[in-house]
N, C-alpha and C. Protein backbone atom coordinates (compact mmCIF):
# COMPACT_ATOMS: atom_id res chain seq x y z
N UNK A 1 -25.48 -118.56 -176.62
CA UNK A 1 -26.13 -117.66 -175.69
C UNK A 1 -27.50 -117.26 -176.24
N UNK A 2 -28.50 -117.35 -175.39
CA UNK A 2 -29.85 -116.95 -175.76
C UNK A 2 -30.24 -115.73 -174.93
N UNK A 3 -30.62 -114.67 -175.62
CA UNK A 3 -31.06 -113.45 -174.96
C UNK A 3 -32.52 -113.22 -175.32
N UNK A 4 -33.34 -113.02 -174.28
CA UNK A 4 -34.77 -112.82 -174.49
C UNK A 4 -35.28 -111.73 -173.57
N UNK A 5 -36.31 -111.04 -174.01
CA UNK A 5 -36.99 -110.03 -173.20
C UNK A 5 -38.45 -110.42 -173.11
N UNK A 6 -38.93 -110.50 -171.87
CA UNK A 6 -40.32 -110.86 -171.64
C UNK A 6 -40.96 -109.90 -170.64
N UNK A 7 -42.27 -109.69 -170.75
CA UNK A 7 -42.96 -108.93 -169.71
C UNK A 7 -42.86 -109.69 -168.39
N UNK A 8 -42.72 -108.94 -167.32
CA UNK A 8 -42.63 -109.57 -166.01
C UNK A 8 -43.16 -108.58 -164.97
N UNK A 9 -43.84 -109.10 -163.99
CA UNK A 9 -44.33 -108.23 -162.91
C UNK A 9 -43.14 -107.67 -162.13
N UNK A 10 -43.20 -106.38 -161.80
CA UNK A 10 -42.10 -105.78 -161.04
C UNK A 10 -41.88 -106.42 -159.67
N UNK A 11 -42.90 -107.12 -159.15
CA UNK A 11 -42.74 -107.75 -157.84
C UNK A 11 -42.26 -109.20 -157.93
N UNK A 12 -41.90 -109.65 -159.12
CA UNK A 12 -41.29 -110.99 -159.21
C UNK A 12 -39.92 -110.92 -158.53
N UNK A 13 -39.40 -112.03 -158.06
CA UNK A 13 -38.09 -111.99 -157.37
C UNK A 13 -36.97 -111.37 -158.22
N UNK A 14 -36.87 -111.76 -159.49
CA UNK A 14 -35.80 -111.23 -160.33
C UNK A 14 -35.97 -109.74 -160.61
N UNK A 15 -37.19 -109.32 -160.93
CA UNK A 15 -37.44 -107.90 -161.21
C UNK A 15 -37.18 -107.07 -159.96
N UNK A 16 -37.66 -107.52 -158.82
CA UNK A 16 -37.44 -106.79 -157.57
C UNK A 16 -35.96 -106.67 -157.25
N UNK A 17 -35.21 -107.72 -157.50
CA UNK A 17 -33.76 -107.68 -157.24
C UNK A 17 -33.07 -106.67 -158.16
N UNK A 18 -33.46 -106.65 -159.44
CA UNK A 18 -32.88 -105.68 -160.37
C UNK A 18 -33.18 -104.25 -159.94
N UNK A 19 -34.41 -103.99 -159.53
CA UNK A 19 -34.81 -102.65 -159.10
C UNK A 19 -34.03 -102.25 -157.85
N UNK A 20 -33.87 -103.18 -156.91
CA UNK A 20 -33.11 -102.89 -155.69
C UNK A 20 -31.65 -102.58 -156.02
N UNK A 21 -31.06 -103.32 -156.97
CA UNK A 21 -29.68 -103.05 -157.38
C UNK A 21 -29.55 -101.69 -158.03
N UNK A 22 -30.52 -101.31 -158.84
CA UNK A 22 -30.50 -99.99 -159.46
C UNK A 22 -30.57 -98.91 -158.39
N UNK A 23 -31.48 -99.06 -157.44
CA UNK A 23 -31.59 -98.07 -156.36
C UNK A 23 -30.27 -97.94 -155.60
N UNK A 24 -29.65 -99.08 -155.29
CA UNK A 24 -28.38 -99.06 -154.56
C UNK A 24 -27.28 -98.39 -155.37
N UNK A 25 -27.29 -98.57 -156.68
CA UNK A 25 -26.27 -97.97 -157.54
C UNK A 25 -26.44 -96.45 -157.63
N UNK A 26 -27.67 -95.97 -157.55
CA UNK A 26 -27.93 -94.53 -157.67
C UNK A 26 -27.77 -93.79 -156.35
N UNK A 27 -27.94 -94.49 -155.25
CA UNK A 27 -27.96 -93.85 -153.92
C UNK A 27 -26.74 -92.97 -153.63
N UNK A 28 -25.52 -93.41 -153.95
CA UNK A 28 -24.36 -92.55 -153.62
C UNK A 28 -24.30 -91.25 -154.43
N UNK A 29 -24.99 -91.18 -155.55
CA UNK A 29 -24.86 -90.04 -156.46
C UNK A 29 -25.91 -88.95 -156.26
N UNK A 30 -27.08 -89.31 -155.71
CA UNK A 30 -28.19 -88.38 -155.68
C UNK A 30 -28.87 -88.39 -154.31
N UNK A 31 -29.22 -87.21 -153.80
CA UNK A 31 -30.02 -87.19 -152.57
C UNK A 31 -31.38 -87.84 -152.80
N UNK A 32 -31.97 -88.35 -151.76
CA UNK A 32 -33.23 -89.10 -151.93
C UNK A 32 -34.31 -88.27 -152.63
N UNK A 33 -34.34 -86.98 -152.41
CA UNK A 33 -35.35 -86.13 -153.06
C UNK A 33 -35.15 -86.05 -154.56
N UNK A 34 -33.95 -86.39 -155.03
CA UNK A 34 -33.64 -86.31 -156.46
C UNK A 34 -33.53 -87.68 -157.11
N UNK A 35 -33.99 -88.71 -156.41
CA UNK A 35 -34.06 -90.05 -157.01
C UNK A 35 -35.53 -90.31 -157.29
N UNK A 36 -35.88 -90.34 -158.58
CA UNK A 36 -37.28 -90.38 -158.98
C UNK A 36 -37.76 -91.76 -159.38
N UNK A 37 -36.93 -92.77 -159.27
CA UNK A 37 -37.33 -94.09 -159.70
C UNK A 37 -38.51 -94.62 -158.90
N UNK A 38 -39.45 -95.19 -159.62
CA UNK A 38 -40.63 -95.76 -158.97
C UNK A 38 -40.23 -96.99 -158.15
N UNK A 39 -40.87 -97.14 -157.01
CA UNK A 39 -40.75 -98.37 -156.23
C UNK A 39 -41.48 -99.49 -156.97
N UNK A 40 -41.25 -100.71 -156.53
CA UNK A 40 -41.96 -101.85 -157.11
C UNK A 40 -43.46 -101.62 -157.01
N UNK A 41 -43.91 -101.17 -155.84
CA UNK A 41 -45.34 -100.96 -155.62
C UNK A 41 -45.89 -99.88 -156.56
N UNK A 42 -45.13 -98.80 -156.74
CA UNK A 42 -45.61 -97.72 -157.60
C UNK A 42 -45.60 -98.14 -159.07
N UNK A 43 -44.63 -98.96 -159.48
CA UNK A 43 -44.63 -99.48 -160.84
C UNK A 43 -45.94 -100.23 -161.11
N UNK A 44 -46.36 -101.02 -160.15
CA UNK A 44 -47.61 -101.78 -160.30
C UNK A 44 -48.81 -100.83 -160.25
N UNK A 45 -48.82 -99.94 -159.27
CA UNK A 45 -49.93 -99.00 -159.10
C UNK A 45 -50.12 -98.13 -160.34
N UNK A 46 -49.02 -97.71 -160.96
CA UNK A 46 -49.09 -96.82 -162.13
C UNK A 46 -49.22 -97.59 -163.44
N UNK A 47 -49.36 -98.91 -163.35
CA UNK A 47 -49.57 -99.75 -164.52
C UNK A 47 -48.43 -99.63 -165.54
N UNK A 48 -47.20 -99.60 -165.03
CA UNK A 48 -46.03 -99.53 -165.90
C UNK A 48 -45.82 -100.90 -166.54
N UNK A 49 -45.71 -100.92 -167.86
CA UNK A 49 -45.37 -102.16 -168.56
C UNK A 49 -43.89 -102.43 -168.26
N UNK A 50 -43.60 -103.57 -167.67
CA UNK A 50 -42.24 -103.85 -167.18
C UNK A 50 -41.71 -105.12 -167.85
N UNK A 51 -40.42 -105.09 -168.16
CA UNK A 51 -39.79 -106.19 -168.89
C UNK A 51 -38.45 -106.55 -168.26
N UNK A 52 -38.14 -107.83 -168.31
CA UNK A 52 -36.84 -108.32 -167.84
C UNK A 52 -36.12 -108.96 -169.02
N UNK A 53 -34.87 -108.60 -169.19
CA UNK A 53 -34.01 -109.18 -170.21
C UNK A 53 -33.21 -110.29 -169.54
N UNK A 54 -33.20 -111.44 -170.17
CA UNK A 54 -32.48 -112.60 -169.63
C UNK A 54 -31.48 -113.12 -170.66
N UNK A 55 -30.32 -113.48 -170.15
CA UNK A 55 -29.33 -114.17 -170.97
C UNK A 55 -29.21 -115.58 -170.40
N UNK A 56 -29.52 -116.55 -171.23
CA UNK A 56 -29.52 -117.95 -170.80
C UNK A 56 -30.29 -118.14 -169.50
N UNK A 57 -31.42 -117.46 -169.39
CA UNK A 57 -32.29 -117.61 -168.24
C UNK A 57 -31.94 -116.72 -167.06
N UNK A 58 -30.76 -116.13 -167.05
CA UNK A 58 -30.35 -115.25 -165.95
C UNK A 58 -30.85 -113.84 -166.17
N UNK A 59 -31.46 -113.25 -165.15
CA UNK A 59 -31.93 -111.87 -165.25
C UNK A 59 -30.72 -110.95 -165.38
N UNK A 60 -30.63 -110.24 -166.50
CA UNK A 60 -29.49 -109.39 -166.79
C UNK A 60 -29.84 -107.91 -166.73
N UNK A 61 -31.10 -107.57 -167.00
CA UNK A 61 -31.49 -106.17 -167.02
C UNK A 61 -32.99 -106.02 -167.05
N UNK A 62 -33.42 -104.76 -166.96
CA UNK A 62 -34.85 -104.49 -166.94
C UNK A 62 -35.13 -103.11 -167.51
N UNK A 63 -36.39 -102.88 -167.76
CA UNK A 63 -36.85 -101.58 -168.21
C UNK A 63 -38.36 -101.57 -168.27
N UNK A 64 -38.92 -100.38 -168.19
CA UNK A 64 -40.37 -100.27 -168.23
C UNK A 64 -40.79 -99.03 -169.00
N UNK A 65 -42.08 -98.97 -169.25
CA UNK A 65 -42.65 -97.80 -169.92
C UNK A 65 -44.02 -97.52 -169.34
N UNK A 66 -44.24 -96.26 -169.02
CA UNK A 66 -45.53 -95.80 -168.52
C UNK A 66 -46.16 -94.94 -169.59
N UNK A 67 -47.37 -95.28 -169.98
CA UNK A 67 -48.07 -94.51 -171.00
C UNK A 67 -48.91 -93.41 -170.36
N UNK A 68 -48.85 -92.24 -170.96
CA UNK A 68 -49.68 -91.11 -170.57
C UNK A 68 -50.66 -90.91 -171.72
N UNK A 69 -51.70 -91.74 -171.71
CA UNK A 69 -52.64 -91.79 -172.82
C UNK A 69 -51.87 -92.17 -174.07
N UNK A 70 -52.22 -91.54 -175.19
CA UNK A 70 -51.44 -91.77 -176.40
C UNK A 70 -50.52 -90.58 -176.68
N UNK A 71 -50.42 -89.67 -175.67
CA UNK A 71 -49.57 -88.49 -175.82
C UNK A 71 -48.09 -88.86 -175.83
N UNK A 72 -47.67 -89.63 -174.81
CA UNK A 72 -46.27 -90.07 -174.77
C UNK A 72 -46.12 -91.23 -173.80
N UNK A 73 -44.99 -91.91 -173.94
CA UNK A 73 -44.60 -92.94 -173.00
C UNK A 73 -43.32 -92.49 -172.32
N UNK A 74 -43.23 -92.77 -171.02
CA UNK A 74 -42.03 -92.43 -170.28
C UNK A 74 -41.28 -93.70 -169.90
N UNK A 75 -40.00 -93.75 -170.26
CA UNK A 75 -39.17 -94.89 -169.91
C UNK A 75 -38.88 -94.86 -168.41
N UNK A 76 -38.94 -96.03 -167.80
CA UNK A 76 -38.74 -96.16 -166.36
C UNK A 76 -37.79 -97.32 -166.06
N UNK A 77 -36.96 -97.12 -165.05
CA UNK A 77 -36.18 -98.18 -164.41
C UNK A 77 -35.31 -99.00 -165.37
N UNK A 78 -34.66 -98.32 -166.31
CA UNK A 78 -33.72 -98.98 -167.22
C UNK A 78 -32.46 -99.34 -166.43
N UNK A 79 -32.05 -100.61 -166.51
CA UNK A 79 -30.88 -101.05 -165.75
C UNK A 79 -30.34 -102.34 -166.36
N UNK A 80 -29.01 -102.44 -166.40
CA UNK A 80 -28.33 -103.68 -166.77
C UNK A 80 -27.31 -103.97 -165.68
N UNK A 81 -27.32 -105.19 -165.17
CA UNK A 81 -26.35 -105.58 -164.14
C UNK A 81 -24.93 -105.42 -164.67
N UNK A 82 -24.01 -104.96 -163.81
CA UNK A 82 -22.63 -104.70 -164.26
C UNK A 82 -21.98 -105.86 -165.00
N UNK A 83 -22.17 -107.09 -164.54
CA UNK A 83 -21.49 -108.22 -165.20
C UNK A 83 -22.02 -108.51 -166.60
N UNK A 84 -23.16 -107.90 -166.96
CA UNK A 84 -23.74 -108.10 -168.29
C UNK A 84 -23.54 -106.89 -169.21
N UNK A 85 -22.87 -105.88 -168.71
CA UNK A 85 -22.68 -104.67 -169.52
C UNK A 85 -21.68 -104.90 -170.63
N UNK A 86 -21.78 -104.08 -171.67
CA UNK A 86 -20.88 -104.20 -172.81
C UNK A 86 -21.35 -105.19 -173.86
N UNK A 87 -22.54 -105.75 -173.68
CA UNK A 87 -23.09 -106.73 -174.61
C UNK A 87 -24.23 -106.17 -175.45
N UNK A 88 -24.51 -104.88 -175.29
CA UNK A 88 -25.59 -104.26 -176.05
C UNK A 88 -26.97 -104.48 -175.46
N UNK A 89 -27.04 -104.93 -174.21
CA UNK A 89 -28.34 -105.24 -173.62
C UNK A 89 -29.18 -104.00 -173.36
N UNK A 90 -28.56 -102.89 -172.97
CA UNK A 90 -29.33 -101.66 -172.74
C UNK A 90 -29.95 -101.19 -174.05
N UNK A 91 -29.17 -101.26 -175.11
CA UNK A 91 -29.69 -100.87 -176.43
C UNK A 91 -30.82 -101.80 -176.86
N UNK A 92 -30.66 -103.09 -176.57
CA UNK A 92 -31.69 -104.07 -176.90
C UNK A 92 -32.98 -103.76 -176.14
N UNK A 93 -32.86 -103.44 -174.85
CA UNK A 93 -34.05 -103.11 -174.05
C UNK A 93 -34.68 -101.81 -174.56
N UNK A 94 -33.86 -100.83 -174.89
CA UNK A 94 -34.38 -99.57 -175.40
C UNK A 94 -35.17 -99.79 -176.69
N UNK A 95 -34.64 -100.58 -177.60
CA UNK A 95 -35.36 -100.88 -178.84
C UNK A 95 -36.66 -101.64 -178.56
N UNK A 96 -36.62 -102.54 -177.59
CA UNK A 96 -37.82 -103.28 -177.22
C UNK A 96 -38.91 -102.32 -176.72
N UNK A 97 -38.51 -101.37 -175.87
CA UNK A 97 -39.48 -100.42 -175.34
C UNK A 97 -40.01 -99.49 -176.43
N UNK A 98 -39.15 -99.09 -177.36
CA UNK A 98 -39.60 -98.28 -178.49
C UNK A 98 -40.63 -99.03 -179.33
N UNK A 99 -40.35 -100.30 -179.61
CA UNK A 99 -41.29 -101.11 -180.39
C UNK A 99 -42.60 -101.31 -179.64
N UNK A 100 -42.52 -101.50 -178.34
CA UNK A 100 -43.72 -101.67 -177.52
C UNK A 100 -44.57 -100.40 -177.59
N UNK A 101 -43.92 -99.24 -177.54
CA UNK A 101 -44.66 -97.97 -177.66
C UNK A 101 -45.35 -97.87 -179.02
N UNK A 102 -44.62 -98.20 -180.08
CA UNK A 102 -45.21 -98.15 -181.43
C UNK A 102 -46.42 -99.07 -181.52
N UNK A 103 -46.29 -100.29 -180.98
CA UNK A 103 -47.40 -101.25 -181.01
C UNK A 103 -48.62 -100.71 -180.28
N UNK A 104 -48.40 -99.79 -179.35
CA UNK A 104 -49.50 -99.19 -178.58
C UNK A 104 -49.84 -97.79 -179.09
N UNK A 105 -49.42 -97.50 -180.33
CA UNK A 105 -49.74 -96.25 -181.02
C UNK A 105 -49.25 -95.00 -180.29
N UNK A 106 -48.13 -95.14 -179.60
CA UNK A 106 -47.49 -94.00 -178.94
C UNK A 106 -46.23 -93.68 -179.74
N UNK A 107 -46.12 -92.44 -180.18
CA UNK A 107 -45.03 -92.06 -181.08
C UNK A 107 -44.04 -91.08 -180.45
N UNK A 108 -44.17 -90.82 -179.15
CA UNK A 108 -43.25 -89.94 -178.46
C UNK A 108 -42.82 -90.61 -177.16
N UNK A 109 -41.51 -90.70 -176.98
CA UNK A 109 -40.97 -91.24 -175.74
C UNK A 109 -40.24 -90.14 -175.00
N UNK A 110 -40.37 -90.16 -173.70
CA UNK A 110 -39.64 -89.24 -172.83
C UNK A 110 -38.94 -90.03 -171.74
N UNK A 111 -37.93 -89.41 -171.15
CA UNK A 111 -37.25 -90.05 -170.04
C UNK A 111 -36.51 -89.01 -169.22
N UNK A 112 -36.19 -89.40 -168.00
CA UNK A 112 -35.33 -88.63 -167.12
C UNK A 112 -34.19 -89.54 -166.72
N UNK A 113 -32.99 -88.98 -166.70
CA UNK A 113 -31.84 -89.71 -166.18
C UNK A 113 -31.00 -88.75 -165.37
N UNK A 114 -30.16 -89.28 -164.54
CA UNK A 114 -29.33 -88.44 -163.69
C UNK A 114 -28.10 -87.92 -164.42
N UNK A 115 -27.61 -86.78 -163.96
CA UNK A 115 -26.46 -86.14 -164.60
C UNK A 115 -25.18 -86.98 -164.50
N UNK A 116 -25.13 -87.92 -163.57
CA UNK A 116 -23.94 -88.76 -163.40
C UNK A 116 -24.03 -90.09 -164.16
N UNK A 117 -25.11 -90.31 -164.88
CA UNK A 117 -25.31 -91.58 -165.60
C UNK A 117 -24.76 -91.44 -167.02
N UNK A 118 -23.45 -91.32 -167.13
CA UNK A 118 -22.81 -91.01 -168.41
C UNK A 118 -23.07 -92.05 -169.49
N UNK A 119 -23.04 -93.33 -169.12
CA UNK A 119 -23.30 -94.39 -170.12
C UNK A 119 -24.74 -94.30 -170.62
N UNK A 120 -25.68 -94.05 -169.71
CA UNK A 120 -27.08 -93.93 -170.12
C UNK A 120 -27.27 -92.73 -171.02
N UNK A 121 -26.68 -91.61 -170.66
CA UNK A 121 -26.79 -90.39 -171.48
C UNK A 121 -26.27 -90.66 -172.88
N UNK A 122 -25.11 -91.30 -172.98
CA UNK A 122 -24.54 -91.60 -174.29
C UNK A 122 -25.46 -92.52 -175.09
N UNK A 123 -26.02 -93.53 -174.45
CA UNK A 123 -26.94 -94.45 -175.14
C UNK A 123 -28.16 -93.69 -175.68
N UNK A 124 -28.76 -92.88 -174.84
CA UNK A 124 -29.97 -92.17 -175.28
C UNK A 124 -29.66 -91.21 -176.42
N UNK A 125 -28.55 -90.48 -176.32
CA UNK A 125 -28.22 -89.53 -177.38
C UNK A 125 -27.88 -90.24 -178.69
N UNK A 126 -27.16 -91.35 -178.61
CA UNK A 126 -26.85 -92.13 -179.83
C UNK A 126 -28.10 -92.73 -180.44
N UNK A 127 -29.12 -92.94 -179.61
CA UNK A 127 -30.36 -93.57 -180.07
C UNK A 127 -31.39 -92.56 -180.56
N UNK A 128 -31.00 -91.29 -180.65
CA UNK A 128 -31.89 -90.30 -181.23
C UNK A 128 -32.71 -89.49 -180.24
N UNK A 129 -32.48 -89.65 -178.96
CA UNK A 129 -33.17 -88.83 -177.97
C UNK A 129 -32.50 -87.46 -177.92
N UNK A 130 -33.32 -86.42 -177.82
CA UNK A 130 -32.81 -85.05 -177.77
C UNK A 130 -33.17 -84.42 -176.43
N UNK A 131 -32.28 -83.55 -175.91
CA UNK A 131 -32.56 -82.91 -174.62
C UNK A 131 -33.80 -82.03 -174.68
N UNK A 132 -34.57 -82.06 -173.59
CA UNK A 132 -35.75 -81.21 -173.44
C UNK A 132 -35.70 -80.60 -172.04
N UNK A 133 -36.46 -79.54 -171.81
CA UNK A 133 -36.54 -79.00 -170.44
C UNK A 133 -37.16 -80.05 -169.51
N UNK A 134 -36.86 -79.96 -168.23
CA UNK A 134 -37.49 -80.89 -167.28
C UNK A 134 -39.01 -80.84 -167.39
N UNK A 135 -39.63 -82.00 -167.29
CA UNK A 135 -41.09 -82.11 -167.40
C UNK A 135 -41.63 -82.85 -166.19
N UNK A 136 -42.94 -82.73 -165.99
CA UNK A 136 -43.61 -83.48 -164.94
C UNK A 136 -42.96 -83.31 -163.58
N UNK A 137 -42.72 -84.43 -162.92
CA UNK A 137 -42.18 -84.39 -161.56
C UNK A 137 -40.71 -83.96 -161.50
N UNK A 138 -40.09 -83.75 -162.65
CA UNK A 138 -38.66 -83.43 -162.68
C UNK A 138 -38.38 -81.93 -162.77
N UNK A 139 -39.42 -81.10 -162.82
CA UNK A 139 -39.20 -79.67 -163.05
C UNK A 139 -38.36 -79.01 -161.96
N UNK A 140 -38.36 -79.54 -160.77
CA UNK A 140 -37.56 -78.96 -159.69
C UNK A 140 -36.25 -79.71 -159.46
N UNK A 141 -35.86 -80.55 -160.40
CA UNK A 141 -34.64 -81.34 -160.24
C UNK A 141 -33.63 -81.07 -161.35
N UNK A 142 -33.68 -79.88 -161.93
CA UNK A 142 -32.80 -79.56 -163.06
C UNK A 142 -31.33 -79.63 -162.69
N UNK A 143 -31.00 -79.53 -161.40
CA UNK A 143 -29.60 -79.60 -161.00
C UNK A 143 -29.05 -81.03 -161.03
N UNK A 144 -29.91 -82.03 -160.98
CA UNK A 144 -29.44 -83.42 -160.98
C UNK A 144 -30.05 -84.27 -162.08
N UNK A 145 -31.03 -83.75 -162.81
CA UNK A 145 -31.74 -84.53 -163.82
C UNK A 145 -31.52 -83.96 -165.22
N UNK A 146 -31.48 -84.87 -166.17
CA UNK A 146 -31.52 -84.52 -167.59
C UNK A 146 -32.74 -85.21 -168.17
N UNK A 147 -33.47 -84.48 -169.00
CA UNK A 147 -34.65 -85.05 -169.64
C UNK A 147 -34.47 -85.07 -171.16
N UNK A 148 -35.04 -86.10 -171.76
CA UNK A 148 -34.90 -86.32 -173.20
C UNK A 148 -36.24 -86.76 -173.77
N UNK A 149 -36.37 -86.60 -175.09
CA UNK A 149 -37.50 -87.19 -175.78
C UNK A 149 -37.07 -87.61 -177.18
N UNK A 150 -37.89 -88.49 -177.73
CA UNK A 150 -37.64 -88.99 -179.09
C UNK A 150 -38.99 -89.17 -179.77
N UNK A 151 -39.11 -88.54 -180.93
CA UNK A 151 -40.30 -88.77 -181.77
C UNK A 151 -40.00 -89.95 -182.67
N UNK A 152 -40.94 -90.85 -182.74
CA UNK A 152 -40.76 -92.06 -183.55
C UNK A 152 -41.74 -92.03 -184.71
N UNK A 153 -41.29 -92.51 -185.84
CA UNK A 153 -42.16 -92.56 -187.02
C UNK A 153 -42.74 -93.93 -187.19
């Protein structure tokens, strides 16, 4: 098995399919006003660095990072398809995004995740992310959002 992560435009067929699957997975849990994931168009407009993880060429997951100058990077659209879960791919993508931030001289990562995303919450907490008050566009979503950050050395 070969697993690789490469930059990919969010509007590529595989990236768009992953984003659509993530949106569909979140829809039953959160009202539309509390789903903050960027659309494909907004990912491009906001210049989010986007990556697709592939196992033997098959798109298995994705993730992105939006830089706010050199102040911090915000993780966006982290997702692993259900049939690929349990293989450490989310952790692999998270490490990739952390390394990408370091390469771009950004030493603070932030993220928002939903209160029902138990696997994601566990991954972030095990990876050294600590809870913070809601920031940015999430300040009015404290009932459905959890925010985290991690300082990297």
